[in-house]
PDB file of N, CA and C in Angstrom:
ATOM      1  N   MET A   1       2.434  -6.605  -1.021  1.00  0.00           N
ATOM      2  CA  MET A   1       1.119  -6.739  -1.635  1.00  0.00           C
ATOM      3  C   MET A   1       0.270  -6.093  -1.033  1.00  0.00           C
ATOM      4  N   ILE A   2      -0.422  -5.530  -2.335  1.00  0.00           N
ATOM      5  CA  ILE A   2      -2.204  -4.162  -1.222  1.00  0.00           C
ATOM      6  C   ILE A   2      -3.679  -5.644  -1.132  1.00  0.00           C
ATOM      7  N   GLU A   3      -3.625  -5.626  -0.692  1.00  0.00           N
ATOM      8  CA  GLU A   3      -5.471  -6.617  -1.071  1.00  0.00           C
ATOM      9  C   GLU A   3      -6.413  -5.619  -0.171  1.00  0.00           C
ATOM     10  N   PHE A   4      -7.693  -6.169  -1.331  1.00  0.00           N
ATOM     11  CA  PHE A   4      -8.591  -5.508  -1.141  1.00  0.00           C
ATOM     12  C   PHE A   4      -9.122  -6.335  -1.586  1.00  0.00           C
ATOM     13  N   GLY A   5     -10.714  -6.432  -0.703  1.00  0.00           N
ATOM     14  CA  GLY A   5     -11.721  -7.709  -1.254  1.00  0.00           C
ATOM     15  C   GLY A   5     -10.869  -8.980  -1.635  1.00  0.00           C
ATOM     16  N   ILE A   6     -11.180  -9.142  -2.771  1.00  0.00           N
ATOM     17  CA  ILE A   6     -10.530 -10.186  -3.257  1.00  0.00           C
ATOM     18  C   ILE A   6      -9.312  -9.957  -4.438  1.00  0.00           C
ATOM     19  N   ASN A   7      -8.950  -8.738  -4.571  1.00  0.00           N
ATOM     20  CA  ASN A   7      -8.456  -8.681  -5.518  1.00  0.00           C
ATOM     21  C   ASN A   7      -6.695  -8.367  -4.460  1.00  0.00           C
ATOM     22  N   ALA A   8      -5.386  -8.260  -4.985  1.00  0.00           N
ATOM     23  CA  ALA A   8      -4.067  -7.966  -4.565  1.00  0.00           C
ATOM     24  C   ALA A   8      -2.812  -7.631  -6.366  1.00  0.00           C
ATOM     25  N   VAL A   9      -3.101  -6.259  -5.389  1.00  0.00           N
ATOM     26  CA  VAL A   9      -1.796  -5.774  -6.272  1.00  0.00           C
ATOM     27  C   VAL A   9      -0.217  -5.794  -5.545  1.00  0.00           C
ATOM     28  N   PRO A  10       0.585  -6.316  -6.532  1.00  0.00           N
ATOM     29  CA  PRO A  10       2.552  -6.042  -6.496  1.00  0.00           C
ATOM     30  C   PRO A  10       2.280  -4.787  -6.219  1.00  0.00           C
ATOM     31  N   CYS A  11       3.277  -4.919  -4.692  1.00  0.00           N
ATOM     32  CA  CYS A  11       4.372  -3.420  -4.788  1.00  0.00           C
ATOM     33  C   CYS A  11       5.545  -3.708  -4.407  1.00  0.00           C
ATOM     34  N   MET A  12       6.471  -2.807  -4.335  1.00  0.00           N
ATOM     35  CA  MET A  12       7.152  -2.267  -4.055  1.00  0.00           C
ATOM     36  C   MET A  12       7.240  -1.214  -2.401  1.00  0.00           C
ATOM     37  N   VAL A  13       7.541  -1.815  -1.382  1.00  0.00           N
ATOM     38  CA  VAL A  13       7.355  -0.558  -0.017  1.00  0.00           C
ATOM     39  C   VAL A  13       8.538   0.181  -0.304  1.00  0.00           C
ATOM     40  N   ARG A  14       8.714   1.973   0.191  1.00  0.00           N
ATOM     41  CA  ARG A  14       9.695   2.182   0.276  1.00  0.00           C
ATOM     42  C   ARG A  14       9.497   2.951   0.883  1.00  0.00           C
ATOM     43  N   ASN A  15      10.698   3.720   2.375  1.00  0.00           N
ATOM     44  CA  ASN A  15      10.547   4.336   3.068  1.00  0.00           C
ATOM     45  C   ASN A  15       9.336   4.444   3.697  1.00  0.00           C
ATOM     46  N   VAL A  16       9.882   2.760   4.825  1.00  0.00           N
ATOM     47  CA  VAL A  16       8.715   2.503   5.538  1.00  0.00           C
ATOM     48  C   VAL A  16       8.630   3.426   6.888  1.00  0.00           C
ATOM     49  N   SER A  17       7.649   3.998   7.405  1.00  0.00           N
ATOM     50  CA  SER A  17       8.369   4.499   8.995  1.00  0.00           C
ATOM     51  C   SER A  17       6.983   3.699   9.624  1.00  0.00           C
ATOM     52  N   GLU A  18       6.770   3.886  10.981  1.00  0.00           N
ATOM     53  CA  GLU A  18       6.214   3.907  12.313  1.00  0.00           C
ATOM     54  C   GLU A  18       4.648   4.152  11.462  1.00  0.00           C
ATOM     55  N   THR A  19       4.512   5.251  10.849  1.00  0.00           N
ATOM     56  CA  THR A  19       2.843   5.775  10.942  1.00  0.00           C
ATOM     57  C   THR A  19       2.535   5.403   9.448  1.00  0.00           C
ATOM     58  N   GLY A  20       3.718   4.951   8.619  1.00  0.00           N
ATOM     59  CA  GLY A  20       3.026   4.898   6.976  1.00  0.00           C
ATOM     60  C   GLY A  20       4.380   4.559   6.041  1.00  0.00           C
ATOM     61  N   ALA A  21       4.293   4.728   4.766  1.00  0.00           N
ATOM     62  CA  ALA A  21       5.319   4.158   3.791  1.00  0.00           C
ATOM     63  C   ALA A  21       4.901   5.028   2.381  1.00  0.00           C
ATOM     64  N   SER A  22       5.218   4.343   1.763  1.00  0.00           N
ATOM     65  CA  SER A  22       5.570   5.136   0.200  1.00  0.00           C
ATOM     66  C   SER A  22       5.639   3.844  -0.237  1.00  0.00           C
ATOM     67  N   LEU A  23       5.090   3.257  -1.503  1.00  0.00           N
ATOM     68  CA  LEU A  23       4.835   2.516  -2.183  1.00  0.00           C
ATOM     69  C   LEU A  23       4.964   2.751  -3.595  1.00  0.00           C
ATOM     70  N   ASN A  24       5.537   2.155  -4.252  1.00  0.00           N
ATOM     71  CA  ASN A  24       5.827   1.803  -5.663  1.00  0.00           C
ATOM     72  C   ASN A  24       4.691   0.785  -6.571  1.00  0.00           C
ATOM     73  N   VAL A  25       3.549   1.575  -7.602  1.00  0.00           N
ATOM     74  CA  VAL A  25       3.133   0.614  -8.779  1.00  0.00           C
ATOM     75  C   VAL A  25       3.218   0.699  -9.584  1.00  0.00           C
ATOM     76  N   THR A  26       2.371  -0.349  -9.838  1.00  0.00           N
ATOM     77  CA  THR A  26       2.126  -1.039 -12.212  1.00  0.00           C
ATOM     78  C   THR A  26       1.604   0.558 -11.941  1.00  0.00           C
ATOM     79  N   SER A  27       0.133   0.495 -11.020  1.00  0.00           N
ATOM     80  CA  SER A  27      -0.750   1.649 -11.496  1.00  0.00           C
ATOM     81  C   SER A  27      -1.363   1.858 -10.395  1.00  0.00           C
ATOM     82  N   ALA A  28      -0.985   3.223 -10.033  1.00  0.00           N
ATOM     83  CA  ALA A  28      -2.197   3.486  -8.925  1.00  0.00           C
ATOM     84  C   ALA A  28      -3.956   3.304  -9.481  1.00  0.00           C
ATOM     85  N   PHE A  29      -4.017   3.137 -10.335  1.00  0.00           N
ATOM     86  CA  PHE A  29      -5.734   3.275 -10.904  1.00  0.00           C
ATOM     87  C   PHE A  29      -6.503   1.669 -10.390  1.00  0.00           C
ATOM     88  N   GLY A  30      -7.171   2.136  -9.968  1.00  0.00           N
ATOM     89  CA  GLY A  30      -7.970   1.622  -9.386  1.00  0.00           C
ATOM     90  C   GLY A  30      -7.657   0.503  -8.067  1.00  0.00           C
ATOM     91  N   ILE A  31      -6.952   1.537  -7.429  1.00  0.00           N
ATOM     92  CA  ILE A  31      -6.679   0.626  -5.410  1.00  0.00           C
ATOM     93  C   ILE A  31      -7.696   1.814  -5.233  1.00  0.00           C
ATOM     94  N   PRO A  32      -8.326   0.815  -4.165  1.00  0.00           N
ATOM     95  CA  PRO A  32      -9.060   2.058  -3.028  1.00  0.00           C
ATOM     96  C   PRO A  32      -8.021   2.600  -1.915  1.00  0.00           C
ATOM     97  N   ASP A  33      -8.896   3.681  -1.360  1.00  0.00           N
ATOM     98  CA  ASP A  33      -8.711   4.526  -0.379  1.00  0.00           C
ATOM     99  C   ASP A  33      -8.280   3.779   0.556  1.00  0.00           C
ATOM    100  N   PHE A  34      -8.756   2.590   1.038  1.00  0.00           N
ATOM    101  CA  PHE A  34      -8.635   1.499   2.243  1.00  0.00           C
ATOM    102  C   PHE A  34      -8.049   0.180   1.223  1.00  0.00           C
ATOM    103  N   PHE A  35      -7.032  -0.687   2.153  1.00  0.00           N
ATOM    104  CA  PHE A  35      -6.448  -1.160   2.225  1.00  0.00           C
ATOM    105  C   PHE A  35      -5.968  -2.195   3.138  1.00  0.00           C
ATOM    106  N   THR A  36      -5.405  -3.573   2.848  1.00  0.00           N
ATOM    107  CA  THR A  36      -4.605  -3.737   3.775  1.00  0.00           C
ATOM    108  C   THR A  36      -3.072  -4.684   2.894  1.00  0.00           C
ATOM    109  N   LEU A  37      -2.592  -4.037   3.963  1.00  0.00           N
ATOM    110  CA  LEU A  37      -0.587  -4.397   3.392  1.00  0.00           C
ATOM    111  C   LEU A  37      -0.335  -5.135   4.180  1.00  0.00           C
ATOM    112  N   VAL A  38       0.419  -5.901   2.825  1.00  0.00           N
ATOM    113  CA  VAL A  38       0.429  -7.060   3.162  1.00  0.00           C
ATOM    114  C   VAL A  38       2.084  -7.254   3.071  1.00  0.00           C
ATOM    115  N   LEU A  39       2.987  -7.158   4.736  1.00  0.00           N
ATOM    116  CA  LEU A  39       4.288  -7.258   4.247  1.00  0.00           C
ATOM    117  C   LEU A  39       4.965  -8.742   4.314  1.00  0.00           C
ATOM    118  N   THR A  40       5.269  -9.459   3.165  1.00  0.00           N
ATOM    119  CA  THR A  40       5.406 -10.904   2.999  1.00  0.00           C
ATOM    120  C   THR A  40       6.987 -11.630   4.342  1.00  0.00           C
ATOM    121  N   LEU A  41       7.554 -11.083   3.877  1.00  0.00           N
ATOM    122  CA  LEU A  41       8.740 -10.971   4.377  1.00  0.00           C
ATOM    123  C   LEU A  41       8.986 -10.724   5.807  1.00  0.00           C
ATOM    124  N   GLU A  42       7.609  -9.659   6.700  1.00  0.00           N
ATOM    125  CA  GLU A  42       8.283  -9.509   7.933  1.00  0.00           C
ATOM    126  C   GLU A  42       6.713 -10.417   8.385  1.00  0.00           C
ATOM    127  N   GLY A  43       6.315 -11.256   7.749  1.00  0.00           N
ATOM    128  CA  GLY A  43       4.254 -11.943   8.213  1.00  0.00           C
ATOM    129  C   GLY A  43       4.101 -10.891   8.828  1.00  0.00           C
ATOM    130  N   GLN A  44       3.351  -9.775   8.261  1.00  0.00           N
ATOM    131  CA  GLN A  44       2.856  -8.390   9.284  1.00  0.00           C
ATOM    132  C   GLN A  44       1.164  -8.370   8.316  1.00  0.00           C
ATOM    133  N   ARG A  45      -0.103  -8.052   8.377  1.00  0.00           N
ATOM    134  CA  ARG A  45      -0.620  -7.478   7.747  1.00  0.00           C
ATOM    135  C   ARG A  45      -0.700  -6.275   8.279  1.00  0.00           C
ATOM    136  N   ARG A  46      -1.164  -4.956   7.649  1.00  0.00           N
ATOM    137  CA  ARG A  46      -1.283  -3.917   8.261  1.00  0.00           C
ATOM    138  C   ARG A  46      -2.475  -3.180   7.432  1.00  0.00           C
ATOM    139  N   SER A  47      -3.207  -2.215   7.902  1.00  0.00           N
ATOM    140  CA  SER A  47      -4.475  -1.373   7.356  1.00  0.00           C
ATOM    141  C   SER A  47      -3.919  -0.492   7.355  1.00  0.00           C
ATOM    142  N   ALA A  48      -4.158   0.360   5.583  1.00  0.00           N
ATOM    143  CA  ALA A  48      -4.090   1.480   5.131  1.00  0.00           C
ATOM    144  C   ALA A  48      -4.617   2.154   5.126  1.00  0.00           C
ATOM    145  N   ARG A  49      -4.270   3.808   4.364  1.00  0.00           N
ATOM    146  CA  ARG A  49      -5.629   4.622   3.686  1.00  0.00           C
ATOM    147  C   ARG A  49      -4.153   5.066   2.429  1.00  0.00           C
ATOM    148  N   ILE A  50      -4.583   5.647   1.761  1.00  0.00           N
ATOM    149  CA  ILE A  50      -4.000   6.757   0.841  1.00  0.00           C
ATOM    150  C   ILE A  50      -4.145   7.578   1.171  1.00  0.00           C
ATOM    151  N   ILE A  51      -3.048   8.607   1.200  1.00  0.00           N
ATOM    152  CA  ILE A  51      -3.061   9.913   1.296  1.00  0.00           C
ATOM    153  C   ILE A  51      -2.084  10.891   0.800  1.00  0.00           C
ATOM    154  N   TRP A  52      -2.040  10.388  -0.147  1.00  0.00           N
ATOM    155  CA  TRP A  52      -1.390  10.886  -1.952  1.00  0.00           C
ATOM    156  C   TRP A  52      -0.808   9.534  -2.755  1.00  0.00           C
ATOM    157  N   ARG A  53      -1.146  10.602  -3.823  1.00  0.00           N
ATOM    158  CA  ARG A  53      -1.163   9.645  -4.993  1.00  0.00           C
ATOM    159  C   ARG A  53      -0.147  10.326  -5.624  1.00  0.00           C
ATOM    160  N   LYS A  54       1.004   9.675  -7.131  1.00  0.00           N
ATOM    161  CA  LYS A  54       1.437  10.188  -7.864  1.00  0.00           C
ATOM    162  C   LYS A  54       1.766   9.547  -8.422  1.00  0.00           C
ATOM    163  N   ASP A  55       1.627   9.500  -9.975  1.00  0.00           N
ATOM    164  CA  ASP A  55       1.943   8.408 -11.169  1.00  0.00           C
ATOM    165  C   ASP A  55       2.174   7.116 -10.498  1.00  0.00           C
ATOM    166  N   MET A  56       3.157   6.047 -10.709  1.00  0.00           N
ATOM    167  CA  MET A  56       3.348   4.916 -10.581  1.00  0.00           C
ATOM    168  C   MET A  56       3.434   4.773  -8.495  1.00  0.00           C
ATOM    169  N   GLN A  57       3.446   6.227  -8.148  1.00  0.00           N
ATOM    170  CA  GLN A  57       3.338   5.782  -6.233  1.00  0.00           C
ATOM    171  C   GLN A  57       2.409   6.392  -5.619  1.00  0.00           C
ATOM    172  N   ILE A  58       1.959   5.484  -4.134  1.00  0.00           N
ATOM    173  CA  ILE A  58       1.006   6.271  -3.443  1.00  0.00           C
ATOM    174  C   ILE A  58       1.619   6.520  -2.701  1.00  0.00           C
ATOM    175  N   GLY A  59       1.184   7.111  -1.539  1.00  0.00           N
ATOM    176  CA  GLY A  59       1.779   7.283  -0.122  1.00  0.00           C
ATOM    177  C   GLY A  59       0.943   6.814   0.944  1.00  0.00           C
ATOM    178  N   ILE A  60       0.728   6.232   1.552  1.00  0.00           N
ATOM    179  CA  ILE A  60       0.149   5.700   2.468  1.00  0.00           C
ATOM    180  C   ILE A  60       0.266   5.988   4.576  1.00  0.00           C
ATOM    181  N   ALA A  61      -0.613   6.137   5.203  1.00  0.00           N
ATOM    182  CA  ALA A  61      -0.280   6.211   6.233  1.00  0.00           C
ATOM    183  C   ALA A  61      -1.135   4.312   6.670  1.00  0.00           C
ATOM    184  N   PHE A  62      -0.633   4.064   7.898  1.00  0.00           N
ATOM    185  CA  PHE A  62      -1.325   2.579   8.822  1.00  0.00           C
ATOM    186  C   PHE A  62      -2.258   2.990   9.716  1.00  0.00           C
ATOM    187  N   GLU A  63      -3.573   2.496   9.410  1.00  0.00           N
ATOM    188  CA  GLU A  63      -4.496   3.058  10.224  1.00  0.00           C
ATOM    189  C   GLU A  63      -4.220   1.928  11.501  1.00  0.00           C
TER     190      GLU A  63
END
């Protein structure tokens, strides 16, 4: 889940590493450059920033 302010957007995490990940989203429109990625299965919350956007995918780096 991508969280920013009071908003939350579902996503699917792809290609995760120690430094970042690729996320599939229904639309990259409206997702800010900085947000919190909530990894529910792992019980983690990671601050992230977008480093690239392409159609329904975004690449992020963990802060």
